[in-house]
Amino acid sequence: MTTLREPVPDLAAVRPRVDQVLEDFLGARIAEVGGGGAALVQGAADLVMRGGKRLRAALCLLGWSGAGRPVDDAIVRAACSLELLHGCALIHDDVMDGSATRRGGEAVHRIFARRHAAQRWRGPAERFGNAVAIAAGDLCMVWADLLLRESGLELTVVERGRPVYDEMRAETIRGQYLDLLMQARGSFELDEALEAARAKTAACTTKGPLRFGGALAGADEALLSRFDEYGIALGTAFQLRDDVIGAFGDPDASGKPSGDDLKDGKCTALLAEAYLRSDSAGRARLAELTEKGTDAAVDALRAVIEDTGARTAVEQRIAALGDQALAALAAMPLVGEAVREPLSTLVVMVTTG
């Protein structure tokens, strides 16, 4: 493999490099498995390679570069481990939410349920699909550890980042639980929705990857703390933007269904803001609509969100979070100054949708 060394990653060039590493790594996993396990490996690999922004890998590389370290093949491979962790989270999230599609294709659990039904195997097809998807997600997590270990980084460097890596995974799982808990309780609390966003999204999408790259590079606590401030603000904004897209976006553009969270009655910031802005009768109607879970109820919920000003409020919160991220960026004691521009670009990308 040709070793490439750059002072700072070019965001436009990160995705193809990440895709190539993942393609090579997953191709090797497919080639080494045989028998009955091949379909499981192929299914997990297909989801990972189906697309995605590769934001987690990019932020890891920016954290590394911001601490003054040049980008080479080893850190790119280590950064790619985060995309495999993300694959695990996506597959499991689709099972928990009962989502039909992901990244423009069928969700993994639906693929295997359909295969079960087509073969007329024993037992419920849906249960089989869900169980296989859980195994596929677990496999992605194993692969993430393997790719990190075999990235080419020295063991001492990997161990330096390991506490961040472990905390990132644990916090993401906690955030997923909070998401499920709010949905089960029928909560409309804005503070709870924002806490879940910080735990579920910022931990694994922005704050965690950026701090992970910095920790691998040996960054001091002053820089890591600013990474955290930036990452929490950007990650929360990212989740709120995702909520807006999930409620009002075009499925062809987003690669996932529109209105699923509303149909499931999930406590997003949009619904929480609508609840805050409603009187007692309006709150009762919100509870009624989220219980129905029908297409008609989704349309009605969209109207409530618009009419109460909740969508505008969330857009304003996204903008404010973007300002917080930029303020943290301005205060970063970066060694690699060239990182400021791509980190600023990411704020614009997230906050403007």
Protein backbone atom coordinates (compact mmCIF):
# COMPACT_ATOMS: atom_id res chain seq x y z
CA MET A 1 0.00 0.00 0.00
CA THR A 2 1.28 3.45 -0.87
CA THR A 3 1.76 5.59 2.20
CA LEU A 4 0.19 9.03 1.85
CA ARG A 5 1.11 11.81 4.24
CA GLU A 6 -0.87 15.03 4.34
CA PRO A 7 -0.81 17.95 6.79
CA VAL A 8 -4.62 18.02 6.98
CA PRO A 9 -7.34 15.84 5.40
CA ASP A 10 -9.19 17.24 2.42
CA LEU A 11 -12.89 16.68 3.22
CA ALA A 12 -13.72 16.04 -0.42
CA ALA A 13 -11.05 13.34 -0.59
CA VAL A 14 -11.84 11.63 2.74
CA ARG A 15 -14.90 9.71 1.55
CA PRO A 16 -13.26 7.84 -1.36
CA ARG A 17 -10.24 6.97 0.81
CA VAL A 18 -12.49 5.68 3.57
CA ASP A 19 -14.62 3.75 1.11
CA GLN A 20 -11.52 2.10 -0.34
CA VAL A 21 -10.24 1.02 3.08
CA LEU A 22 -13.64 -0.39 4.00
CA GLU A 23 -14.01 -2.13 0.66
CA ASP A 24 -10.63 -3.83 1.05
CA PHE A 25 -11.23 -4.76 4.69
CA LEU A 26 -14.76 -6.09 4.16
CA GLY A 27 -13.74 -7.86 0.97
CA ALA A 28 -11.20 -9.79 3.01
CA ARG A 29 -13.85 -10.69 5.60
CA ILE A 30 -16.17 -11.97 2.86
CA ALA A 31 -13.38 -13.99 1.25
CA GLU A 32 -12.38 -15.71 4.49
CA VAL A 33 -15.85 -16.89 5.52
CA GLY A 34 -17.67 -19.84 4.06
CA GLY A 35 -20.70 -22.03 4.54
CA GLY A 36 -23.76 -20.75 6.28
CA GLY A 37 -22.13 -17.59 7.62
CA ALA A 38 -21.53 -15.99 4.22
CA ALA A 39 -24.96 -14.36 4.00
CA LEU A 40 -24.55 -12.73 7.42
CA VAL A 41 -21.12 -11.30 6.53
CA GLN A 42 -22.34 -10.10 3.14
CA GLY A 43 -25.43 -8.48 4.63
CA ALA A 44 -23.47 -6.52 7.22
CA ALA A 45 -20.80 -5.51 4.69
CA ASP A 46 -23.40 -4.37 2.15
CA LEU A 47 -25.00 -1.99 4.66
CA VAL A 48 -21.65 -0.43 5.59
CA MET A 49 -20.73 0.06 1.92
CA ARG A 50 -24.13 1.39 0.89
CA GLY A 51 -23.09 4.99 1.35
CA GLY A 52 -22.97 7.56 4.10
CA LYS A 53 -21.18 10.84 4.66
CA ARG A 54 -18.17 9.22 6.42
CA LEU A 55 -18.36 12.12 8.86
CA ARG A 56 -17.04 10.07 11.78
CA ALA A 57 -13.87 9.09 9.99
CA ALA A 58 -13.39 12.66 8.77
CA LEU A 59 -13.69 14.12 12.27
CA CYS A 60 -11.26 11.56 13.65
CA LEU A 61 -8.73 12.62 11.01
CA LEU A 62 -9.36 16.29 11.80
CA GLY A 63 -8.78 15.63 15.50
CA TRP A 64 -5.50 13.90 14.64
CA SER A 65 -4.42 16.71 12.30
CA GLY A 66 -5.50 19.41 14.72
CA ALA A 67 -3.00 18.00 17.20
CA GLY A 68 -0.27 18.43 14.61
CA ARG A 69 0.03 14.93 13.22
CA PRO A 70 0.19 14.27 9.43
CA VAL A 71 -2.39 11.94 7.91
CA ASP A 72 -1.12 8.58 6.67
CA ASP A 73 -2.63 5.19 5.86
CA ALA A 74 -2.51 3.96 9.46
CA ILE A 75 -4.64 6.75 10.90
CA VAL A 76 -7.06 6.52 7.97
CA ARG A 77 -7.56 2.84 8.74
CA ALA A 78 -8.03 3.59 12.43
CA ALA A 79 -10.57 6.28 11.57
CA CYS A 80 -12.46 3.78 9.41
CA SER A 81 -13.12 1.66 12.49
CA LEU A 82 -15.62 4.34 13.52
CA GLU A 83 -17.60 3.77 10.33
CA LEU A 84 -17.93 0.11 11.30
CA LEU A 85 -19.15 1.14 14.75
CA HIS A 86 -21.67 3.35 13.00
CA GLY A 87 -22.77 0.40 10.88
CA CYS A 88 -23.48 -1.52 14.09
CA ALA A 89 -25.54 1.36 15.46
CA LEU A 90 -27.53 1.76 12.23
CA ILE A 91 -28.43 -1.92 11.96
CA HIS A 92 -29.51 -2.13 15.59
CA ASP A 93 -31.36 1.20 15.43
CA ASP A 94 -33.41 -0.01 12.48
CA VAL A 95 -34.46 -3.09 14.44
CA MET A 96 -35.45 -1.00 17.47
CA ASP A 97 -37.40 1.48 15.35
CA GLY A 98 -38.83 -1.05 12.91
CA SER A 99 -37.49 1.02 10.00
CA ALA A 100 -38.02 -0.36 6.52
CA THR A 101 -35.14 1.34 4.71
CA ARG A 102 -31.66 2.65 5.31
CA ARG A 103 -29.36 4.54 2.97
CA GLY A 104 -31.72 4.13 0.08
CA GLY A 105 -32.13 0.36 0.42
CA GLU A 106 -33.85 -2.20 2.60
CA ALA A 107 -32.91 -2.31 6.26
CA VAL A 108 -30.88 -5.41 7.14
CA HIS A 109 -33.61 -6.94 9.29
CA ARG A 110 -36.09 -6.59 6.43
CA ILE A 111 -33.73 -8.25 3.95
CA PHE A 112 -33.38 -11.33 6.12
CA ALA A 113 -37.08 -11.44 7.01
CA ARG A 114 -37.89 -11.42 3.31
CA ARG A 115 -35.37 -14.19 2.67
CA HIS A 116 -36.93 -16.26 5.46
CA ALA A 117 -40.42 -15.81 4.01
CA ALA A 118 -39.28 -16.62 0.47
CA GLN A 119 -37.67 -19.88 1.64
CA ARG A 120 -40.68 -20.75 3.82
CA TRP A 121 -38.46 -21.51 6.79
CA ARG A 122 -39.85 -22.32 10.22
CA GLY A 123 -40.97 -19.65 12.66
CA PRO A 124 -41.92 -15.99 12.19
CA ALA A 125 -39.99 -14.27 9.42
CA GLU A 126 -39.91 -10.97 11.31
CA ARG A 127 -38.33 -12.53 14.38
CA PHE A 128 -35.69 -14.20 12.22
CA GLY A 129 -34.90 -10.93 10.46
CA ASN A 130 -34.56 -9.04 13.72
CA ALA A 131 -32.33 -11.71 15.26
CA VAL A 132 -30.01 -11.87 12.25
CA ALA A 133 -29.75 -8.08 12.17
CA ILE A 134 -28.70 -8.02 15.82
CA ALA A 135 -25.97 -10.53 14.95
CA ALA A 136 -24.95 -8.44 11.91
CA GLY A 137 -24.65 -5.32 14.07
CA ASP A 138 -22.57 -7.20 16.63
CA LEU A 139 -20.32 -8.39 13.82
CA CYS A 140 -19.71 -4.80 12.73
CA MET A 141 -18.57 -3.97 16.26
CA VAL A 142 -16.14 -6.90 16.22
CA TRP A 143 -14.83 -5.73 12.86
CA ALA A 144 -14.33 -2.21 14.24
CA ASP A 145 -12.07 -3.55 16.98
CA LEU A 146 -10.18 -5.69 14.47
CA LEU A 147 -9.59 -2.83 12.04
CA LEU A 148 -8.41 -0.53 14.83
CA ARG A 149 -6.01 -3.16 16.16
CA GLU A 150 -4.65 -3.91 12.70
CA SER A 151 -4.62 -0.29 11.48
CA GLY A 152 -0.86 -0.01 11.53
CA LEU A 153 -0.77 2.45 14.42
CA GLU A 154 1.66 1.55 17.16
CA LEU A 155 0.07 -0.25 20.11
CA THR A 156 0.94 2.61 22.45
CA VAL A 157 -0.92 5.01 20.16
CA VAL A 158 -4.01 2.76 20.03
CA GLU A 159 -3.99 2.40 23.80
CA ARG A 160 -3.84 6.17 24.15
CA GLY A 161 -7.15 6.46 22.32
CA ARG A 162 -8.78 3.37 23.76
CA PRO A 163 -10.51 5.04 26.76
CA VAL A 164 -12.20 7.52 24.40
CA TYR A 165 -13.16 4.67 22.06
CA ASP A 166 -14.77 2.72 24.90
CA GLU A 167 -16.55 5.75 26.36
CA MET A 168 -17.89 6.66 22.92
CA ARG A 169 -19.49 3.23 22.51
CA ALA A 170 -20.95 3.14 26.01
CA GLU A 171 -22.41 6.65 25.75
CA THR A 172 -24.00 5.84 22.38
CA ILE A 173 -25.71 2.81 23.89
CA ARG A 174 -26.93 4.93 26.82
CA GLY A 175 -28.35 7.43 24.36
CA GLN A 176 -30.17 4.68 22.50
CA TYR A 177 -31.71 3.51 25.76
CA LEU A 178 -32.84 7.05 26.60
CA ASP A 179 -34.44 7.24 23.16
CA LEU A 180 -36.36 4.01 23.77
CA LEU A 181 -37.31 5.04 27.30
CA MET A 182 -38.79 8.37 26.21
CA GLN A 183 -40.79 6.66 23.50
CA ALA A 184 -42.13 4.03 25.91
CA ARG A 185 -43.09 6.68 28.49
CA GLY A 186 -44.68 8.95 25.93
CA SER A 187 -42.44 11.77 27.09
CA PHE A 188 -42.54 15.25 25.55
CA GLU A 189 -39.79 16.77 27.72
CA LEU A 190 -37.40 18.95 25.73
CA ASP A 191 -34.52 18.48 28.21
CA GLU A 192 -34.81 14.71 27.83
CA ALA A 193 -34.86 14.94 24.04
CA LEU A 194 -31.72 17.09 24.06
CA GLU A 195 -29.95 14.80 26.53
CA ALA A 196 -30.66 11.81 24.29
CA ALA A 197 -29.36 13.76 21.29
CA ARG A 198 -26.12 14.56 23.08
CA ALA A 199 -25.63 10.97 24.20
CA LYS A 200 -26.85 9.11 21.14
CA THR A 201 -25.51 11.36 18.38
CA ALA A 202 -22.76 13.66 19.66
CA ALA A 203 -20.97 10.78 21.37
CA CYS A 204 -20.52 8.69 18.25
CA THR A 205 -20.86 11.23 15.43
CA THR A 206 -18.96 14.37 16.40
CA LYS A 207 -17.55 14.72 19.91
CA GLY A 208 -16.36 11.12 20.20
CA PRO A 209 -14.62 10.84 16.81
CA LEU A 210 -12.95 14.26 17.13
CA ARG A 211 -11.68 13.54 20.64
CA PHE A 212 -10.65 10.03 19.58
CA GLY A 213 -8.44 11.41 16.81
CA GLY A 214 -6.97 13.97 19.18
CA ALA A 215 -6.33 11.39 21.89
CA LEU A 216 -4.60 9.05 19.42
CA ALA A 217 -2.40 11.97 18.41
CA GLY A 218 -1.49 12.78 22.01
CA ALA A 219 -3.34 16.11 22.21
CA ASP A 220 -3.33 17.88 25.57
CA GLU A 221 -6.46 18.34 27.67
CA ALA A 222 -6.83 22.00 26.69
CA LEU A 223 -7.35 21.04 23.04
CA LEU A 224 -9.43 17.95 23.85
CA SER A 225 -11.79 20.05 25.99
CA ARG A 226 -12.39 22.44 23.09
CA PHE A 227 -12.94 19.46 20.82
CA ASP A 228 -15.63 18.33 23.26
CA GLU A 229 -17.37 21.73 23.30
CA TYR A 230 -17.36 21.87 19.52
CA GLY A 231 -18.43 18.25 19.15
CA ILE A 232 -21.31 18.40 21.63
CA ALA A 233 -22.77 21.51 19.99
CA LEU A 234 -22.29 20.19 16.47
CA GLY A 235 -23.60 16.72 17.35
CA THR A 236 -26.73 18.07 18.99
CA ALA A 237 -27.34 20.27 15.96
CA PHE A 238 -26.76 17.25 13.73
CA GLN A 239 -29.45 15.27 15.57
CA LEU A 240 -31.92 18.14 15.47
CA ARG A 241 -31.30 18.56 11.74
CA ASP A 242 -31.86 14.82 11.35
CA ASP A 243 -35.14 15.15 13.25
CA VAL A 244 -36.31 17.86 10.85
CA ILE A 245 -35.29 15.81 7.83
CA GLY A 246 -36.97 12.74 9.31
CA ALA A 247 -40.23 14.62 9.75
CA PHE A 248 -40.28 16.79 6.63
CA GLY A 249 -37.52 15.57 4.30
CA ASP A 250 -37.59 13.83 0.94
CA PRO A 251 -36.95 10.07 1.35
CA ASP A 252 -35.18 9.97 -2.02
CA ALA A 253 -32.70 12.56 -0.80
CA SER A 254 -32.27 11.30 2.78
CA GLY A 255 -32.28 7.56 2.01
CA LYS A 256 -34.76 6.81 4.79
CA PRO A 257 -38.52 7.05 5.25
CA SER A 258 -40.13 10.38 6.08
CA GLY A 259 -42.32 10.53 9.16
CA ASP A 260 -41.21 7.31 10.87
CA ASP A 261 -40.32 9.06 14.14
CA LEU A 262 -43.67 10.84 14.14
CA LYS A 263 -45.51 7.61 13.40
CA ASP A 264 -43.70 5.91 16.29
CA GLY A 265 -44.41 8.78 18.67
CA LYS A 266 -40.71 9.28 19.34
CA CYS A 267 -39.90 12.26 21.53
CA THR A 268 -37.87 14.42 19.18
CA ALA A 269 -37.15 18.08 19.87
CA LEU A 270 -39.82 18.92 17.28
CA LEU A 271 -42.58 17.22 19.27
CA ALA A 272 -41.20 18.53 22.57
CA GLU A 273 -41.24 22.10 21.26
CA ALA A 274 -44.77 21.61 19.92
CA TYR A 275 -45.87 20.33 23.35
CA LEU A 276 -44.34 23.36 25.09
CA ARG A 277 -46.24 25.68 22.78
CA SER A 278 -49.63 23.96 23.11
CA ASP A 279 -52.45 24.48 25.60
CA SER A 280 -54.01 21.56 27.49
CA ALA A 281 -56.29 20.65 24.60
CA GLY A 282 -53.39 20.80 22.15
CA ARG A 283 -51.26 18.61 24.38
CA ALA A 284 -54.05 16.05 24.60
CA ARG A 285 -54.29 16.06 20.82
CA LEU A 286 -50.53 15.53 20.50
CA ALA A 287 -50.73 12.53 22.81
CA GLU A 288 -53.68 11.16 20.83
CA LEU A 289 -51.94 11.57 17.47
CA THR A 290 -48.70 9.96 18.60
CA GLU A 291 -50.69 6.97 19.89
CA LYS A 292 -52.41 6.39 16.53
CA GLY A 293 -49.30 5.80 14.43
CA THR A 294 -51.13 6.25 11.12
CA ASP A 295 -50.18 8.17 7.97
CA ALA A 296 -53.05 10.55 8.63
CA ALA A 297 -51.76 11.14 12.16
CA VAL A 298 -48.29 11.90 10.77
CA ASP A 299 -49.74 14.53 8.46
CA ALA A 300 -51.64 16.05 11.38
CA LEU A 301 -48.51 16.08 13.54
CA ARG A 302 -46.57 17.86 10.80
CA ALA A 303 -49.28 20.52 10.75
CA VAL A 304 -49.14 20.90 14.55
CA ILE A 305 -45.36 21.26 14.46
CA GLU A 306 -45.63 23.98 11.83
CA ASP A 307 -48.61 25.79 13.36
CA THR A 308 -47.18 25.95 16.89
CA GLY A 309 -43.87 27.34 15.65
CA ALA A 310 -42.01 24.25 16.84
CA ARG A 311 -40.19 23.79 13.54
CA THR A 312 -39.02 27.39 13.59
CA ALA A 313 -37.88 27.01 17.20
CA VAL A 314 -35.82 23.93 16.35
CA GLU A 315 -34.27 25.71 13.37
CA GLN A 316 -33.32 28.59 15.68
CA ARG A 317 -31.81 26.15 18.17
CA ILE A 318 -29.78 24.54 15.38
CA ALA A 319 -28.42 27.96 14.41
CA ALA A 320 -27.54 28.77 18.03
CA LEU A 321 -25.74 25.43 18.40
CA GLY A 322 -23.81 26.22 15.24
CA ASP A 323 -22.71 29.50 16.81
CA GLN A 324 -21.58 27.61 19.93
CA ALA A 325 -19.56 25.20 17.80
CA LEU A 326 -17.90 28.08 15.96
CA ALA A 327 -17.08 29.81 19.26
CA ALA A 328 -15.42 26.64 20.53
CA LEU A 329 -13.55 26.35 17.25
CA ALA A 330 -12.27 29.94 17.54
CA ALA A 331 -10.88 29.15 21.01
CA MET A 332 -9.16 25.89 20.03
CA PRO A 333 -5.40 25.90 20.70
CA LEU A 334 -4.76 23.97 17.49
CA VAL A 335 -1.31 22.80 16.47
CA GLY A 336 -2.55 22.14 12.94
CA GLU A 337 -4.14 25.49 12.09
CA ALA A 338 -5.34 24.30 8.68
CA VAL A 339 -8.00 22.23 10.46
CA ARG A 340 -10.04 25.33 11.31
CA GLU A 341 -11.42 25.69 7.80
CA PRO A 342 -12.84 22.16 7.38
CA LEU A 343 -14.23 22.22 10.93
CA SER A 344 -15.97 25.50 10.10
CA THR A 345 -17.26 24.01 6.85
CA LEU A 346 -18.80 21.09 8.75
CA VAL A 347 -20.74 23.50 10.97
CA VAL A 348 -22.22 25.17 7.91
CA MET A 349 -23.07 21.80 6.33
CA VAL A 350 -24.90 20.59 9.44
CA THR A 351 -26.72 23.77 10.39
CA THR A 352 -27.95 24.62 6.91
CA GLY A 353 -29.05 21.08 6.09
